[in-house]
Structures are given as structure tokens and as C-alpha cells.
């Protein structure tokens, strides 16, 4: 759950800061990967995402878990609180 929540947080921050959408992700036992819709990223972008994610972790933002059925129209609207 920790890795899964972390993936969602990184994805939300990348989208919020740089409008980078996640195209795929894989959570592995020893290595995880998040693919964003960009051919490359600068070191500054990576550092900004890392800094923002770490700040949110230190702020202990609450995690709310909800289950939605696939046919629920709200599925398309799910976003992290605080990210517009």
C-alpha cells in the first residue's frame, strides 16, 4: 500500500507541476517505474517533483480510500485533494 500510495502522489505532483500525465506504471518487488507522457525530463523537473512529494509526505496529508465501480461517472473525476 505504501508503494501504491507513493505512485499516486508522484503522479499527482507531476501532473500538477508540469501537466505530465502518467501513461503507465509498474510496482515491483525491488523496482518500480512510472512512465510519463514526455520523451525526457530535466534534472530540475525531477528535483521539483521529489521536493514537492517529500513536502507532502512530511505534511502528513491524509489518504482517503474509496472504492468506485468502473461504471461510476466519478471515476473520471478522481483527483488528489489540493490539486486542481
N, C-alpha and C. Protein backbone atom coordinates (compact mmCIF):
# COMPACT_ATOMS: atom_id res chain seq x y z
N UNK A 1 0.83 -1.19 0.00
CA UNK A 1 0.00 0.00 0.00
C UNK A 1 0.87 1.26 0.00
N UNK A 2 2.00 1.20 0.70
CA UNK A 2 2.90 2.35 0.74
C UNK A 2 3.38 2.70 -0.66
N UNK A 3 3.81 1.70 -1.43
CA UNK A 3 4.31 1.94 -2.78
C UNK A 3 3.19 2.43 -3.70
N UNK A 4 2.01 1.85 -3.56
CA UNK A 4 0.87 2.25 -4.39
C UNK A 4 0.48 3.70 -4.09
N UNK A 5 0.41 4.06 -2.83
CA UNK A 5 0.09 5.45 -2.46
C UNK A 5 1.17 6.40 -2.95
N UNK A 6 2.43 5.97 -2.85
CA UNK A 6 3.53 6.80 -3.35
C UNK A 6 3.43 7.05 -4.84
N UNK A 7 3.03 6.02 -5.59
CA UNK A 7 2.87 6.17 -7.03
C UNK A 7 1.79 7.21 -7.33
N UNK A 8 0.68 7.15 -6.61
CA UNK A 8 -0.39 8.13 -6.83
C UNK A 8 0.08 9.54 -6.51
N UNK A 9 0.86 9.69 -5.45
CA UNK A 9 1.34 11.01 -5.06
C UNK A 9 2.31 11.57 -6.11
N UNK A 10 3.24 10.75 -6.56
CA UNK A 10 4.18 11.20 -7.59
C UNK A 10 3.42 11.58 -8.86
N UNK A 11 2.47 10.76 -9.26
CA UNK A 11 1.67 11.04 -10.44
C UNK A 11 0.92 12.36 -10.31
N UNK A 12 0.30 12.58 -9.16
CA UNK A 12 -0.45 13.81 -8.95
C UNK A 12 0.45 15.04 -8.99
N UNK A 13 1.61 14.95 -8.39
CA UNK A 13 2.54 16.09 -8.37
C UNK A 13 3.08 16.37 -9.77
N UNK A 14 3.45 15.33 -10.51
CA UNK A 14 3.96 15.52 -11.88
C UNK A 14 2.89 16.18 -12.75
N UNK A 15 1.65 15.79 -12.57
CA UNK A 15 0.56 16.39 -13.33
C UNK A 15 0.35 17.84 -12.90
N UNK A 16 0.35 18.08 -11.61
CA UNK A 16 0.11 19.43 -11.09
C UNK A 16 1.22 20.42 -11.48
N UNK A 17 2.46 20.00 -11.33
CA UNK A 17 3.58 20.91 -11.60
C UNK A 17 3.85 21.11 -13.09
N UNK A 18 3.77 20.02 -13.85
CA UNK A 18 4.24 20.08 -15.24
C UNK A 18 3.23 19.56 -16.26
N UNK A 19 2.01 19.28 -15.81
CA UNK A 19 0.96 18.76 -16.71
C UNK A 19 1.40 17.46 -17.39
N UNK A 20 2.19 16.67 -16.70
CA UNK A 20 2.66 15.40 -17.23
C UNK A 20 1.71 14.30 -16.78
N UNK A 21 1.08 13.66 -17.73
CA UNK A 21 0.14 12.57 -17.45
C UNK A 21 0.92 11.26 -17.35
N UNK A 22 0.42 10.38 -16.52
CA UNK A 22 1.02 9.06 -16.39
C UNK A 22 0.46 8.16 -17.49
N UNK A 23 1.36 7.53 -18.25
CA UNK A 23 0.93 6.64 -19.32
C UNK A 23 0.97 5.18 -18.89
N UNK A 24 1.83 4.86 -17.93
CA UNK A 24 1.85 3.51 -17.36
C UNK A 24 2.65 3.53 -16.06
N UNK A 25 2.44 2.50 -15.27
CA UNK A 25 3.23 2.37 -14.05
C UNK A 25 3.29 0.90 -13.68
N UNK A 26 4.36 0.56 -12.98
CA UNK A 26 4.56 -0.81 -12.54
C UNK A 26 5.16 -0.78 -11.13
N UNK A 27 4.53 -1.47 -10.24
CA UNK A 27 5.05 -1.58 -8.88
C UNK A 27 5.66 -2.97 -8.74
N UNK A 28 6.96 -3.00 -8.59
CA UNK A 28 7.66 -4.28 -8.47
C UNK A 28 8.16 -4.52 -7.06
N UNK A 29 8.63 -5.71 -6.85
CA UNK A 29 9.15 -6.08 -5.54
C UNK A 29 10.42 -5.31 -5.21
N UNK A 30 11.30 -5.13 -6.21
CA UNK A 30 12.58 -4.46 -5.98
C UNK A 30 12.71 -3.14 -6.73
N UNK A 31 11.88 -2.93 -7.73
CA UNK A 31 11.97 -1.72 -8.55
C UNK A 31 10.58 -1.34 -9.02
N UNK A 32 10.28 -0.09 -9.00
CA UNK A 32 9.01 0.42 -9.51
C UNK A 32 9.31 1.45 -10.58
N UNK A 33 8.36 1.63 -11.50
CA UNK A 33 8.55 2.59 -12.59
C UNK A 33 7.26 3.34 -12.86
N UNK A 34 7.40 4.62 -13.18
CA UNK A 34 6.28 5.45 -13.59
C UNK A 34 6.67 6.07 -14.92
N UNK A 35 5.85 5.85 -15.94
CA UNK A 35 6.11 6.40 -17.26
C UNK A 35 5.20 7.61 -17.47
N UNK A 36 5.81 8.73 -17.81
CA UNK A 36 5.06 9.97 -18.03
C UNK A 36 5.04 10.29 -19.52
N UNK A 37 4.07 11.10 -19.93
CA UNK A 37 3.91 11.40 -21.35
C UNK A 37 4.87 12.49 -21.84
N UNK A 38 6.13 12.23 -21.67
CA UNK A 38 7.18 13.14 -22.13
C UNK A 38 8.38 12.32 -22.56
N UNK A 39 9.08 12.74 -23.60
CA UNK A 39 10.25 11.97 -24.02
C UNK A 39 11.43 12.11 -23.05
N UNK A 40 11.45 13.20 -22.28
CA UNK A 40 12.54 13.38 -21.32
C UNK A 40 12.13 14.41 -20.27
N UNK A 41 12.89 14.41 -19.19
CA UNK A 41 12.68 15.38 -18.11
C UNK A 41 14.03 15.96 -17.74
N UNK A 42 14.00 17.21 -17.31
CA UNK A 42 15.24 17.83 -16.85
C UNK A 42 15.51 17.40 -15.41
N UNK A 43 16.75 17.56 -15.00
CA UNK A 43 17.11 17.28 -13.60
C UNK A 43 16.33 18.20 -12.67
N UNK A 44 16.05 19.43 -13.12
CA UNK A 44 15.30 20.39 -12.31
C UNK A 44 13.85 19.93 -12.11
N UNK A 45 13.25 19.37 -13.16
CA UNK A 45 11.88 18.87 -13.04
C UNK A 45 11.82 17.69 -12.05
N UNK A 46 12.75 16.78 -12.18
CA UNK A 46 12.80 15.64 -11.27
C UNK A 46 12.98 16.12 -9.83
N UNK A 47 13.87 17.07 -9.62
CA UNK A 47 14.12 17.60 -8.28
C UNK A 47 12.88 18.30 -7.73
N UNK A 48 12.16 19.04 -8.57
CA UNK A 48 10.95 19.74 -8.13
C UNK A 48 9.87 18.75 -7.73
N UNK A 49 9.71 17.68 -8.50
CA UNK A 49 8.72 16.65 -8.15
C UNK A 49 9.11 15.99 -6.84
N UNK A 50 10.37 15.63 -6.72
CA UNK A 50 10.85 14.98 -5.49
C UNK A 50 10.64 15.89 -4.27
N UNK A 51 10.98 17.16 -4.40
CA UNK A 51 10.82 18.09 -3.29
C UNK A 51 9.36 18.22 -2.89
N UNK A 52 8.47 18.38 -3.86
CA UNK A 52 7.05 18.53 -3.57
C UNK A 52 6.47 17.27 -2.92
N UNK A 53 6.84 16.11 -3.45
CA UNK A 53 6.36 14.85 -2.87
C UNK A 53 6.84 14.72 -1.43
N UNK A 54 8.11 15.00 -1.18
CA UNK A 54 8.64 14.89 0.18
C UNK A 54 7.95 15.88 1.13
N UNK A 55 7.65 17.08 0.65
CA UNK A 55 6.94 18.05 1.49
C UNK A 55 5.56 17.53 1.87
N UNK A 56 4.86 16.93 0.91
CA UNK A 56 3.53 16.41 1.18
C UNK A 56 3.58 15.23 2.15
N UNK A 57 4.62 14.42 2.04
CA UNK A 57 4.78 13.32 3.00
C UNK A 57 5.04 13.87 4.39
N UNK A 58 5.94 14.85 4.49
CA UNK A 58 6.23 15.46 5.80
C UNK A 58 5.01 16.15 6.39
N UNK A 59 4.14 16.71 5.53
CA UNK A 59 2.92 17.36 6.00
C UNK A 59 1.85 16.37 6.45
N UNK A 60 2.12 15.10 6.23
CA UNK A 60 1.21 14.02 6.63
C UNK A 60 -0.21 14.23 6.09
N UNK A 61 -0.28 14.51 4.80
CA UNK A 61 -1.58 14.66 4.17
C UNK A 61 -2.38 13.38 4.36
N UNK A 62 -3.65 13.50 4.69
CA UNK A 62 -4.45 12.29 4.88
C UNK A 62 -4.69 11.57 3.55
N UNK A 63 -4.81 10.27 3.64
CA UNK A 63 -5.13 9.45 2.47
C UNK A 63 -6.54 8.93 2.67
N UNK A 64 -7.40 9.24 1.73
CA UNK A 64 -8.78 8.76 1.78
C UNK A 64 -8.96 7.68 0.73
N UNK A 65 -9.41 6.54 1.15
CA UNK A 65 -9.61 5.41 0.25
C UNK A 65 -11.09 5.25 -0.02
N UNK A 66 -11.43 5.21 -1.31
CA UNK A 66 -12.82 4.97 -1.72
C UNK A 66 -12.81 3.95 -2.84
N UNK A 67 -13.83 3.14 -2.88
CA UNK A 67 -13.98 2.20 -3.98
C UNK A 67 -15.11 2.67 -4.86
N UNK A 68 -14.84 2.77 -6.15
CA UNK A 68 -15.84 3.16 -7.13
C UNK A 68 -15.99 2.03 -8.14
N UNK A 69 -17.20 1.82 -8.59
CA UNK A 69 -17.39 0.82 -9.65
C UNK A 69 -16.91 1.43 -10.97
N UNK A 70 -16.52 0.59 -11.89
CA UNK A 70 -15.98 1.07 -13.16
C UNK A 70 -16.98 1.89 -13.95
N UNK A 71 -18.27 1.65 -13.74
CA UNK A 71 -19.29 2.40 -14.49
C UNK A 71 -19.72 3.68 -13.77
N UNK A 72 -19.11 3.98 -12.64
CA UNK A 72 -19.43 5.21 -11.91
C UNK A 72 -18.80 6.39 -12.64
N UNK A 73 -19.59 7.40 -13.04
CA UNK A 73 -19.01 8.54 -13.76
C UNK A 73 -17.95 9.29 -12.96
N UNK A 74 -17.97 9.16 -11.66
CA UNK A 74 -16.99 9.85 -10.81
C UNK A 74 -15.57 9.31 -11.00
N UNK A 75 -15.45 8.11 -11.55
CA UNK A 75 -14.12 7.52 -11.78
C UNK A 75 -13.26 8.47 -12.61
N UNK A 76 -13.85 9.13 -13.60
CA UNK A 76 -13.11 10.04 -14.46
C UNK A 76 -12.73 11.35 -13.76
N UNK A 77 -13.32 11.62 -12.61
CA UNK A 77 -13.09 12.88 -11.91
C UNK A 77 -12.19 12.75 -10.69
N UNK A 78 -11.71 11.56 -10.41
CA UNK A 78 -10.92 11.34 -9.20
C UNK A 78 -9.60 12.09 -9.30
N UNK A 79 -9.32 12.89 -8.33
CA UNK A 79 -8.07 13.66 -8.24
C UNK A 79 -7.69 13.75 -6.77
N UNK A 80 -6.41 14.02 -6.54
CA UNK A 80 -5.96 14.22 -5.17
C UNK A 80 -6.48 15.55 -4.66
N UNK A 81 -6.93 15.60 -3.39
CA UNK A 81 -7.34 16.90 -2.82
C UNK A 81 -6.18 17.89 -2.85
N UNK A 82 -6.48 19.11 -3.13
CA UNK A 82 -5.46 20.14 -3.17
C UNK A 82 -4.83 20.30 -4.53
N UNK A 83 -5.16 19.43 -5.48
CA UNK A 83 -4.65 19.54 -6.84
C UNK A 83 -5.82 19.85 -7.74
N UNK A 84 -5.80 21.03 -8.34
CA UNK A 84 -6.90 21.40 -9.23
C UNK A 84 -6.45 21.34 -10.66
